[in-house]
Amino acid sequence: MKKISLSITGCMGRMGQQIIKSSKNNHNFIIKSLTENRIVDKKFNGIKPELNTEDAFKKTDVIIDFTVPRCTLEILKIASKLKKKVVIGTTGFTQKEESLIKKFSKKIPILKAGNMSLGVNLLIYLTEIASKSLNDNYLSKIFEVHHKHKKDYPSGTALMLGKGIADGKDKSFYNLIGKKFLNKKSFPYGKKINFNSLRKGEIIGEHEVKFSSGKEIITLNHEAFDRTLYSDGALTAAKWIMKKKPGLYSMRDLLNFNVKKN
């Protein structure tokens, strides 16, 4: 089987470094290029990082992107021109940026996920089922914990869980976003979905969804112990998207999770 050629953007970041390690141990892939948004005078896996340019991506099959929204959009512009497939793990996009990603997906296949873990995507699936099953007397809220270096909040995964709640109710997620708290010891339920984010230590990721009727509380949660969960998931996504036509995909599509609508 021909190896899949990869370009890894944000190669100096935590996820970039982890994907480099995981791809070295996976016989399905070969790294063609590594990129950063600045000049790096160092080699990784024998490859010197480049800037995000057409030359950097022209020999690759799939670009795996864990950077920041502004950088992701620059990469998509180049990928769209070169007709390259892209796996996006970047989080923190605005509604306008999400629309731009959707526009790019009409030209190239894009798999976008705020979390590449099988367990987290199962949690999102279960959240949607719970939301669909519970009536409007049940209010919900989402709590997440990440390492102190993570800048955006709520996490991309927390927002995906919020969207799962909204999808279960067949409502617009953007209309259901409530208050966003940071480092609070406690936070309230609301008619909209409230979020609380905690940043401390080197915690890889914890997420919790709660539904309360005032008479009972239902809790769904996930805890990650190993960052390879995400890099292995990104590589699985890169392999999966090789056979896909232009479109915007998610880990939900890859895992074939589906909630039947009424």
Foldseek 3Di string as FASTA:
>chain_A
DDAAEEEEEPCVDPLNVLLLVVQVVDPNHDYQAYEYCDADPDDDPNHGHDHQDLVRPLPGAEYEYADELVRVLVNLVSCLVNQHEYEYLYDDDDPVSVVSVQVSLVRHAYAYAVFLFPVLVVLLLVLLVVLLPDDLLKFKEKEKEAAQVDDDPPGRSRLSSLVSNQVSVVHDSVVQEDAEAEQDPDDDTDSGYYYYYYYHHHAHMKMKMWIDNPVDIDIDIDGDDDPVSRSVSSVLVSVVRSPPGRGYHYVCVVVVRDDDDD
